[in-house]
C-alpha atoms as a PDB file:
ATOM      1  CA  MET A   1      74.187   7.527 -37.882  1.00  0.00           C
ATOM      2  CA  VAL A   2      76.059  10.281 -39.696  1.00  0.00           C
ATOM      3  CA  ALA A   3      73.620  12.892 -38.373  1.00  0.00           C
ATOM      4  CA  THR A   4      74.135  11.660 -34.817  1.00  0.00           C
ATOM      5  CA  LEU A   5      77.910  11.872 -35.150  1.00  0.00           C
ATOM      6  CA  ALA A   6      77.667  15.323 -36.667  1.00  0.00           C
ATOM      7  CA  LEU A   7      75.499  16.556 -33.793  1.00  0.00           C
ATOM      8  CA  SER A   8      77.933  15.137 -31.258  1.00  0.00           C
ATOM      9  CA  SER A   9      80.876  16.734 -33.005  1.00  0.00           C
ATOM     10  CA  SER A  10      79.082  20.051 -33.093  1.00  0.00           C
ATOM     11  CA  LEU A  11      78.446  19.922 -29.334  1.00  0.00           C
ATOM     12  CA  LEU A  12      82.022  18.943 -28.577  1.00  0.00           C
ATOM     13  CA  SER A  13      83.484  21.632 -30.790  1.00  0.00           C
ATOM     14  CA  ASN A  14      81.213  24.266 -29.218  1.00  0.00           C
ATOM     15  CA  PRO A  15      80.923  23.589 -25.467  1.00  0.00           C
ATOM     16  CA  ILE A  16      78.964  26.803 -24.815  1.00  0.00           C
ATOM     17  CA  LYS A  17      76.330  25.803 -27.336  1.00  0.00           C
ATOM     18  CA  GLY A  18      76.262  22.282 -25.933  1.00  0.00           C
ATOM     19  CA  GLU A  19      75.770  23.584 -22.414  1.00  0.00           C
ATOM     20  CA  PHE A  20      72.937  25.812 -23.605  1.00  0.00           C
ATOM     21  CA  HIS A  21      71.297  22.876 -25.351  1.00  0.00           C
ATOM     22  CA  HIS A  22      71.621  20.737 -22.206  1.00  0.00           C
ATOM     23  CA  ARG A  23      69.972  23.449 -20.045  1.00  0.00           C
ATOM     24  CA  THR A  24      67.181  23.854 -22.575  1.00  0.00           C
ATOM     25  CA  LEU A  25      66.462  20.105 -22.509  1.00  0.00           C
ATOM     26  CA  TYR A  26      66.598  20.056 -18.695  1.00  0.00           C
ATOM     27  CA  GLY A  27      64.193  23.030 -18.517  1.00  0.00           C
ATOM     28  CA  LEU A  28      61.728  21.353 -20.872  1.00  0.00           C
ATOM     29  CA  SER A  29      61.959  18.144 -18.846  1.00  0.00           C
ATOM     30  CA  SER A  30      61.320  20.048 -15.586  1.00  0.00           C
ATOM     31  CA  GLN A  31      58.363  21.880 -17.126  1.00  0.00           C
ATOM     32  CA  TRP A  32      56.914  18.566 -18.345  1.00  0.00           C
ATOM     33  CA  ARG A  33      57.187  17.092 -14.861  1.00  0.00           C
ATOM     34  CA  ARG A  34      55.459  20.104 -13.291  1.00  0.00           C
ATOM     35  CA  ASN A  35      52.669  19.844 -15.862  1.00  0.00           C
ATOM     36  CA  GLN A  36      52.172  16.209 -15.082  1.00  0.00           C
ATOM     37  CA  ILE A  37      51.995  16.857 -11.308  1.00  0.00           C
ATOM     38  CA  GLY A  38      49.623  19.766 -11.870  1.00  0.00           C
ATOM     39  CA  ASN A  39      47.346  17.603 -14.037  1.00  0.00           C
ATOM     40  CA  ALA A  40      47.361  14.818 -11.489  1.00  0.00           C
ATOM     41  CA  PHE A  41      46.408  17.287  -8.691  1.00  0.00           C
ATOM     42  CA  SER A  42      43.662  18.819 -10.848  1.00  0.00           C
ATOM     43  CA  ASN A  43      42.221  15.399 -11.659  1.00  0.00           C
ATOM     44  CA  ARG A  44      42.312  14.497  -7.998  1.00  0.00           C
ATOM     45  CA  LYS A  45      40.308  17.603  -7.029  1.00  0.00           C
ATOM     46  CA  SER A  46      37.711  17.052  -9.748  1.00  0.00           C
ATOM     47  CA  TYR A  47      37.414  13.396  -8.675  1.00  0.00           C
ATOM     48  CA  HIS A  48      36.553  14.414  -5.166  1.00  0.00           C
ATOM     49  CA  LYS A  49      33.954  16.873  -6.414  1.00  0.00           C
ATOM     50  CA  ARG A  50      32.159  14.057  -8.202  1.00  0.00           C
ATOM     51  CA  ILE A  51      31.841  11.815  -5.131  1.00  0.00           C
ATOM     52  CA  PRO A  52      28.497  12.215  -3.387  1.00  0.00           C
ATOM     53  CA  TYR A  53      28.462  13.285   0.254  1.00  0.00           C
ATOM     54  CA  GLY A  54      26.905  10.003   1.322  1.00  0.00           C
ATOM     55  CA  ALA A  55      29.752   7.977  -0.282  1.00  0.00           C
ATOM     56  CA  VAL A  56      32.405  10.089   1.351  1.00  0.00           C
ATOM     57  CA  ALA A  57      30.663   9.873   4.687  1.00  0.00           C
ATOM     58  CA  SER A  58      30.374   6.113   4.315  1.00  0.00           C
ATOM     59  CA  LEU A  59      34.132   5.775   3.529  1.00  0.00           C
ATOM     60  CA  LEU A  60      34.965   7.845   6.552  1.00  0.00           C
ATOM     61  CA  GLY A  61      32.637   5.814   8.823  1.00  0.00           C
ATOM     62  CA  ARG A  62      30.145   8.686   9.248  1.00  0.00           C
ATOM     63  CA  LYS A  63      26.386   8.555   8.776  1.00  0.00           C
ATOM     64  CA  PRO A  64      25.038  10.807   6.032  1.00  0.00           C
ATOM     65  CA  LYS A  65      22.530  13.482   7.122  1.00  0.00           C
ATOM     66  CA  SER A  66      18.939  12.178   6.982  1.00  0.00           C
ATOM     67  CA  VAL A  67      16.478  13.917   4.731  1.00  0.00           C
ATOM     68  CA  LYS A  68      13.377  15.135   6.518  1.00  0.00           C
ATOM     69  CA  ARG A  69      10.060  13.741   5.411  1.00  0.00           C
ATOM     70  CA  GLU A  70       7.428  16.073   4.063  1.00  0.00           C
ATOM     71  CA  ILE A  71       4.503  17.219   6.131  1.00  0.00           C
ATOM     72  CA  VAL A  72       1.333  15.279   5.357  1.00  0.00           C
ATOM     73  CA  VAL A  73      -2.198  16.592   6.168  1.00  0.00           C
ATOM     74  CA  PRO A  74      -4.960  14.111   5.114  1.00  0.00           C
ATOM     75  CA  GLU A  75      -7.864  15.820   3.334  1.00  0.00           C
ATOM     76  CA  PRO A  76     -11.134  16.226   5.224  1.00  0.00           C
ATOM     77  CA  ASP A  77     -13.806  13.603   4.463  1.00  0.00           C
ATOM     78  CA  TYR A  78     -17.489  14.343   5.151  1.00  0.00           C
ATOM     79  CA  ARG A  79     -18.849  10.838   4.625  1.00  0.00           C
ATOM     80  CA  LEU A  80     -18.996   9.978   8.316  1.00  0.00           C
ATOM     81  CA  PRO A  81     -20.886  13.058   9.548  1.00  0.00           C
ATOM     82  CA  ILE A  82     -23.241  12.827   6.521  1.00  0.00           C
ATOM     83  CA  ALA A  83     -23.887   9.138   7.301  1.00  0.00           C
ATOM     84  CA  VAL A  84     -24.626   9.940  10.997  1.00  0.00           C
ATOM     85  CA  LEU A  85     -27.008  12.737   9.994  1.00  0.00           C
ATOM     86  CA  GLY A  86     -28.657  10.355   7.599  1.00  0.00           C
ATOM     87  CA  ILE A  87     -29.289   7.886  10.408  1.00  0.00           C
ATOM     88  CA  ALA A  88     -30.710  10.694  12.565  1.00  0.00           C
ATOM     89  CA  GLY A  89     -32.990  11.636   9.633  1.00  0.00           C
ATOM     90  CA  GLY A  90     -34.164   8.034   9.428  1.00  0.00           C
ATOM     91  CA  PHE A  91     -35.115   8.001  13.133  1.00  0.00           C
ATOM     92  CA  ALA A  92     -36.894  11.327  12.760  1.00  0.00           C
ATOM     93  CA  TYR A  93     -38.838  10.022   9.772  1.00  0.00           C
ATOM     94  CA  ALA A  94     -39.925   7.079  11.943  1.00  0.00           C
ATOM     95  CA  ASP A  95     -41.059   9.529  14.653  1.00  0.00           C
ATOM     96  CA  ASN A  96     -38.378   8.260  16.987  1.00  0.00           C
ATOM     97  CA  LEU A  97     -37.232  11.683  18.167  1.00  0.00           C
ATOM     98  CA  LEU A  98     -35.682  10.227  21.309  1.00  0.00           C
ATOM     99  CA  ALA A  99     -33.024   8.590  19.139  1.00  0.00           C
ATOM    100  CA  ALA A 100     -32.988  11.126  16.358  1.00  0.00           C
ATOM    101  CA  ALA A 101     -32.029  14.077  18.614  1.00  0.00           C
ATOM    102  CA  PRO A 102     -28.751  12.777  20.109  1.00  0.00           C
ATOM    103  CA  ILE A 103     -27.619  11.127  16.859  1.00  0.00           C
ATOM    104  CA  GLY A 104     -28.432  14.363  14.971  1.00  0.00           C
ATOM    105  CA  LEU A 105     -26.366  16.402  17.434  1.00  0.00           C
ATOM    106  CA  LEU A 106     -23.490  13.963  17.044  1.00  0.00           C
ATOM    107  CA  GLY A 107     -23.689  14.320  13.287  1.00  0.00           C
ATOM    108  CA  LEU A 108     -23.645  18.123  13.512  1.00  0.00           C
ATOM    109  CA  LEU A 109     -20.645  18.000  15.846  1.00  0.00           C
ATOM    110  CA  LEU A 110     -18.756  15.680  13.486  1.00  0.00           C
ATOM    111  CA  LEU A 111     -19.656  17.977  10.570  1.00  0.00           C
ATOM    112  CA  PHE A 112     -18.286  20.982  12.411  1.00  0.00           C
ATOM    113  CA  GLN A 113     -15.134  19.179  13.456  1.00  0.00           C
ATOM    114  CA  THR A 114     -14.513  18.017   9.884  1.00  0.00           C
ATOM    115  CA  THR A 115     -14.309  21.619   8.776  1.00  0.00           C
ATOM    116  CA  ARG A 116     -11.709  22.554  11.364  1.00  0.00           C
ATOM    117  CA  VAL A 117      -9.703  19.616  12.884  1.00  0.00           C
ATOM    118  CA  ARG A 118      -6.582  18.445  10.999  1.00  0.00           C
ATOM    119  CA  PHE A 119      -4.179  15.621  11.619  1.00  0.00           C
ATOM    120  CA  VAL A 120      -0.665  16.876  10.775  1.00  0.00           C
ATOM    121  CA  PHE A 121       2.044  14.275  10.247  1.00  0.00           C
ATOM    122  CA  ASP A 122       5.507  15.909  10.307  1.00  0.00           C
ATOM    123  CA  ASP A 123       8.915  14.258  10.302  1.00  0.00           C
ATOM    124  CA  ASP A 124       8.740  12.675  13.752  1.00  0.00           C
ATOM    125  CA  ALA A 125       5.276  13.181  15.289  1.00  0.00           C
ATOM    126  CA  LEU A 126       1.515  13.303  14.760  1.00  0.00           C
ATOM    127  CA  GLU A 127      -0.118  16.560  15.943  1.00  0.00           C
ATOM    128  CA  VAL A 128      -3.754  17.649  16.036  1.00  0.00           C
ATOM    129  CA  LYS A 129      -4.238  21.192  14.746  1.00  0.00           C
ATOM    130  CA  VAL A 130      -7.194  23.373  13.799  1.00  0.00           C
ATOM    131  CA  GLY A 131      -8.226  25.408  10.843  1.00  0.00           C
ATOM    132  CA  ASP A 132      -6.731  25.821   7.328  1.00  0.00           C
ATOM    133  CA  GLN A 133      -3.864  27.818   8.913  1.00  0.00           C
ATOM    134  CA  LEU A 134      -2.999  24.788  11.132  1.00  0.00           C
ATOM    135  CA  GLU A 135      -3.196  26.628  14.444  1.00  0.00           C
ATOM    136  CA  GLU A 136      -2.319  25.054  17.770  1.00  0.00           C
ATOM    137  CA  SER A 137      -5.126  23.006  19.315  1.00  0.00           C
ATOM    138  CA  GLY A 138      -4.082  23.575  22.917  1.00  0.00           C
ATOM    139  CA  GLU A 139      -4.038  20.832  25.568  1.00  0.00           C
ATOM    140  CA  ASN A 140      -5.928  17.542  25.316  1.00  0.00           C
ATOM    141  CA  VAL A 141      -9.157  18.000  27.310  1.00  0.00           C
ATOM    142  CA  PHE A 142      -9.322  14.354  28.398  1.00  0.00           C
ATOM    143  CA  VAL A 143      -5.799  13.360  29.376  1.00  0.00           C
ATOM    144  CA  GLY A 144      -3.930  16.673  29.382  1.00  0.00           C
ATOM    145  CA  GLY A 145      -0.747  17.542  27.609  1.00  0.00           C
ATOM    146  CA  LYS A 146      -0.178  18.781  24.087  1.00  0.00           C
ATOM    147  CA  ASN A 147      -2.003  17.050  21.226  1.00  0.00           C
ATOM    148  CA  ARG A 148       1.323  15.925  19.725  1.00  0.00           C
ATOM    149  CA  TRP A 149       2.692  12.409  19.928  1.00  0.00           C
ATOM    150  CA  LYS A 150       6.007  11.054  18.542  1.00  0.00           C
ATOM    151  CA  TYR A 151       5.797   7.974  16.302  1.00  0.00           C
ATOM    152  CA  SER A 152       8.521   6.320  18.324  1.00  0.00           C
ATOM    153  CA  THR A 153       6.116   6.142  21.340  1.00  0.00           C
ATOM    154  CA  PHE A 154       3.325   4.371  19.431  1.00  0.00           C
ATOM    155  CA  VAL A 155       2.638   0.894  20.776  1.00  0.00           C
ATOM    156  CA  ASN A 156      -0.128   0.055  18.338  1.00  0.00           C
ATOM    157  CA  TRP A 157      -2.785   1.650  16.126  1.00  0.00           C
ATOM    158  CA  GLU A 158      -5.871   0.501  14.290  1.00  0.00           C
ATOM    159  CA  LEU A 159      -8.284   1.801  11.693  1.00  0.00           C
ATOM    160  CA  TRP A 160     -11.946   0.662  11.924  1.00  0.00           C
ATOM    161  CA  TRP A 161     -13.216  -0.232   9.387  1.00  0.00           C
ATOM    162  CA  PRO A 162     -10.978   0.017   6.305  1.00  0.00           C
ATOM    163  CA  GLN A 163     -13.789  -0.033   3.745  1.00  0.00           C
ATOM    164  CA  PHE A 164     -15.639   2.737   5.484  1.00  0.00           C
ATOM    165  CA  PRO A 165     -13.326   4.014   8.281  1.00  0.00           C
ATOM    166  CA  ILE A 166     -15.155   5.246  11.339  1.00  0.00           C
ATOM    167  CA  LEU A 167     -12.573   5.265  14.122  1.00  0.00           C
ATOM    168  CA  VAL A 168      -8.823   5.464  14.340  1.00  0.00           C
ATOM    169  CA  TYR A 169      -7.187   4.215  17.521  1.00  0.00           C
ATOM    170  CA  PHE A 170      -3.640   4.395  18.751  1.00  0.00           C
ATOM    171  CA  LYS A 171      -1.842   3.730  22.011  1.00  0.00           C
ATOM    172  CA  GLU A 172       1.278   5.749  22.956  1.00  0.00           C
ATOM    173  CA  THR A 173       3.643   5.877  25.930  1.00  0.00           C
ATOM    174  CA  GLN A 174       4.494   9.556  25.710  1.00  0.00           C
ATOM    175  CA  THR A 175       1.564  10.717  27.840  1.00  0.00           C
ATOM    176  CA  LYS A 176       2.204   8.068  30.501  1.00  0.00           C
ATOM    177  CA  PRO A 177       4.622   5.146  30.645  1.00  0.00           C
ATOM    178  CA  GLU A 178       2.007   2.442  30.949  1.00  0.00           C
ATOM    179  CA  GLY A 179       0.371   3.678  27.719  1.00  0.00           C
ATOM    180  CA  GLN A 180      -2.444   6.059  26.853  1.00  0.00           C
ATOM    181  CA  ILE A 181      -5.188   5.109  24.399  1.00  0.00           C
ATOM    182  CA  HIS A 182      -6.712   7.624  21.980  1.00  0.00           C
ATOM    183  CA  PHE A 183      -9.818   7.348  19.743  1.00  0.00           C
ATOM    184  CA  PHE A 184     -10.620   9.776  16.960  1.00  0.00           C
ATOM    185  CA  PRO A 185     -13.467   9.734  14.454  1.00  0.00           C
ATOM    186  CA  VAL A 186     -12.148   9.356  10.919  1.00  0.00           C
ATOM    187  CA  ILE A 187     -13.173  12.730   9.494  1.00  0.00           C
ATOM    188  CA  PHE A 188     -10.229  12.589   7.056  1.00  0.00           C
ATOM    189  CA  ASN A 189      -9.495  10.717   3.865  1.00  0.00           C
ATOM    190  CA  GLY A 190      -9.178   7.132   5.182  1.00  0.00           C
ATOM    191  CA  LYS A 191      -6.745   5.897   2.489  1.00  0.00           C
ATOM    192  CA  GLN A 192      -4.397   8.903   3.014  1.00  0.00           C
ATOM    193  CA  LEU A 193      -4.621   8.461   6.798  1.00  0.00           C
ATOM    194  CA  TYR A 194      -3.821   4.731   6.599  1.00  0.00           C
ATOM    195  CA  ASP A 195      -0.881   5.194   4.184  1.00  0.00           C
ATOM    196  CA  VAL A 196       0.840   7.860   6.283  1.00  0.00           C
ATOM    197  CA  MET A 197       0.236   5.972   9.514  1.00  0.00           C
ATOM    198  CA  VAL A 198       1.933   2.898   7.985  1.00  0.00           C
ATOM    199  CA  GLU A 199       4.801   4.968   6.736  1.00  0.00           C
ATOM    200  CA  ARG A 200       5.426   6.930   9.911  1.00  0.00           C
ATOM    201  CA  ALA A 201       4.220   4.589  12.747  1.00  0.00           C
ATOM    202  CA  GLY A 202       4.700   1.191  11.195  1.00  0.00           C
ATOM    203  CA  PRO A 203       2.108  -1.399  10.037  1.00  0.00           C
ATOM    204  CA  SER A 204      -1.162  -1.859  11.909  1.00  0.00           C
ATOM    205  CA  LYS A 205      -1.602  -5.258  13.480  1.00  0.00           C
ATOM    206  CA  THR A 206      -5.073  -6.065  12.172  1.00  0.00           C
ATOM    207  CA  SER A 207      -6.404  -3.292   9.890  1.00  0.00           C
ATOM    208  CA  SER A 208      -5.545  -2.783   6.221  1.00  0.00           C
ATOM    209  CA  PRO A 209      -7.566  -1.330   3.387  1.00  0.00           C
ATOM    210  CA  LYS A 210      -8.427  -3.798   0.545  1.00  0.00           C
END
């Protein structure tokens, strides 16, 4: 109490010193307010940096950019051509050359195609390419058009038979509106083929590996 009265008396007896003290206190108060505003602004900026783009886009009513799916190329599988050649060999061993010849040629064709034909599954379409460099396969020799079909045009697809896949079938509306059917021998890894078909084109209606 005595100290407070002494300070007040000192300020009253020396107005210049009192005015200087008042300005000093005011300056410190102003500096404190500026620091508080600056800290709040800094925290606000750092807060926005920590928010993921998807969350900001969601708050603003925008859709976040979709991430493209990786390209999948099922590995070649030689079981089918070897099995066909084995059947041809059986007929030849039984002296049934009439059956052995065409089956043997089919087996050789499948063996050759296994070394070069690739199914390429990109983000939005299935495309048939050739060679390890994945070169263009040209137009489809049976129905015309490019050997590339968007998953969104697939009506249905099947894999026969899951335990030892021989044929893959799919129907699409890209080639013609009423639907175009395609059959391909399964000269690829059947499990990889099935998994990527389910992921990109949706579940098959009747086929599924056990």
